Each structure stands twice: as structure tokens, then as C-alpha cells.
Amino acid sequence: MSPTIQEVNARHAERLLGMPGVVSVGIGKNPDGQLVIVVGLDGQRQDTVNQLPKILEGYSVRVEVVGPVKAR
């Protein structure tokens, strides 16, 4: 049986968060309504984008620039 997107997200989040500029890893939907892994960056980081996988265990990865994350 294929892993759920939640399992895939949990399995890879720590590694992805360790990459330069990655400030968030979560789950979202693409325009077609399919679930995707969403990686948030603190700014334009082409080197990091180039290192990120396009697909993780069958789920597409979408990159978004979300800006720096600040604790409240």
C-alpha cells in the first residue's frame, strides 16, 4: 500500500527543513485539487530550489516563497 501524504511529509520534513532557506514544509493542493508537499522558502533561493526534489514518494513538491518566519 502506498504511504499517505502525511506519512511522506513527516518522513522528509526534517531533512528538507535543514536545507538553506527552507522555513516550512507542509501539505497543500495544486490547482487541480490534488494534494502536494509544499516547501516554503524565506526568499528567492535558486540553489535550494535546484536541490529540492520535484516528487517525493509519488507526491508532487511545490515551492513557495513565504518570507522569513518569526516566532510569536
Protein backbone atom coordinates (compact mmCIF):
# COMPACT_ATOMS: atom_id res chain seq x y z
CA MET A 1 0.00 0.00 0.00
CA SER A 2 1.28 3.47 -0.85
CA PRO A 3 2.14 5.82 2.01
CA THR A 4 -0.21 8.74 2.73
CA ILE A 5 0.93 12.26 2.00
CA GLN A 6 1.01 12.86 5.76
CA GLU A 7 3.45 9.97 6.19
CA VAL A 8 5.63 11.22 3.33
CA ASN A 9 5.59 14.75 4.73
CA ALA A 10 6.59 13.53 8.20
CA ARG A 11 9.35 11.32 6.81
CA HIS A 12 11.03 14.10 4.80
CA ALA A 13 10.24 17.33 6.71
CA GLU A 14 13.31 17.33 8.96
CA ARG A 15 15.72 16.82 6.05
CA LEU A 16 14.02 19.48 3.93
CA LEU A 17 13.98 21.98 6.82
CA GLY A 18 17.74 21.53 7.09
CA MET A 19 18.26 22.94 3.60
CA PRO A 20 19.31 26.61 3.21
CA GLY A 21 16.32 28.95 3.25
CA VAL A 22 13.63 26.32 3.89
CA VAL A 23 11.34 27.67 6.62
CA SER A 24 8.30 25.40 6.29
CA VAL A 25 7.19 22.05 4.95
CA GLY A 26 3.52 21.19 4.73
CA ILE A 27 0.67 19.86 2.66
CA GLY A 28 -1.41 21.83 0.18
CA LYS A 29 -3.35 21.40 -3.03
CA ASN A 30 -2.44 22.17 -6.61
CA PRO A 31 -4.93 23.98 -8.89
CA ASP A 32 -6.45 20.60 -9.85
CA GLY A 33 -7.19 19.80 -6.20
CA GLN A 34 -4.50 17.13 -5.86
CA LEU A 35 -2.53 17.04 -2.61
CA VAL A 36 1.09 18.22 -2.84
CA ILE A 37 4.02 18.72 -0.48
CA VAL A 38 4.59 22.49 -0.09
CA VAL A 39 8.09 23.73 0.74
CA GLY A 40 8.26 27.35 1.94
CA LEU A 41 11.39 29.42 1.38
CA ASP A 42 12.48 32.62 3.12
CA GLY A 43 13.31 34.24 -0.23
CA GLN A 44 14.45 33.56 -3.76
CA ARG A 45 17.00 30.76 -3.41
CA GLN A 46 17.63 29.18 -6.77
CA ASP A 47 20.39 26.89 -5.42
CA THR A 48 17.96 25.40 -2.90
CA VAL A 49 15.16 25.13 -5.48
CA ASN A 50 17.54 23.22 -7.74
CA GLN A 51 18.30 20.74 -4.93
CA LEU A 52 14.70 20.11 -3.95
CA PRO A 53 13.02 17.02 -5.36
CA LYS A 54 10.17 17.56 -7.81
CA ILE A 55 8.40 14.45 -6.48
CA LEU A 56 8.59 12.72 -3.09
CA GLU A 57 7.36 9.14 -2.98
CA GLY A 58 4.81 9.84 -5.72
CA TYR A 59 3.63 13.25 -4.45
CA SER A 60 4.48 16.45 -6.29
CA VAL A 61 6.51 19.11 -4.49
CA ARG A 62 5.59 22.79 -4.85
CA VAL A 63 7.96 25.55 -3.77
CA GLU A 64 6.62 28.89 -2.47
CA VAL A 65 8.47 31.95 -1.26
CA VAL A 66 6.80 32.74 2.07
CA GLY A 67 9.40 35.06 3.54
CA PRO A 68 11.09 34.75 6.91
CA VAL A 69 9.14 33.03 9.68
CA LYS A 70 9.03 34.83 13.02
CA ALA A 71 8.10 33.29 16.36
CA ARG A 72 5.19 34.92 18.16
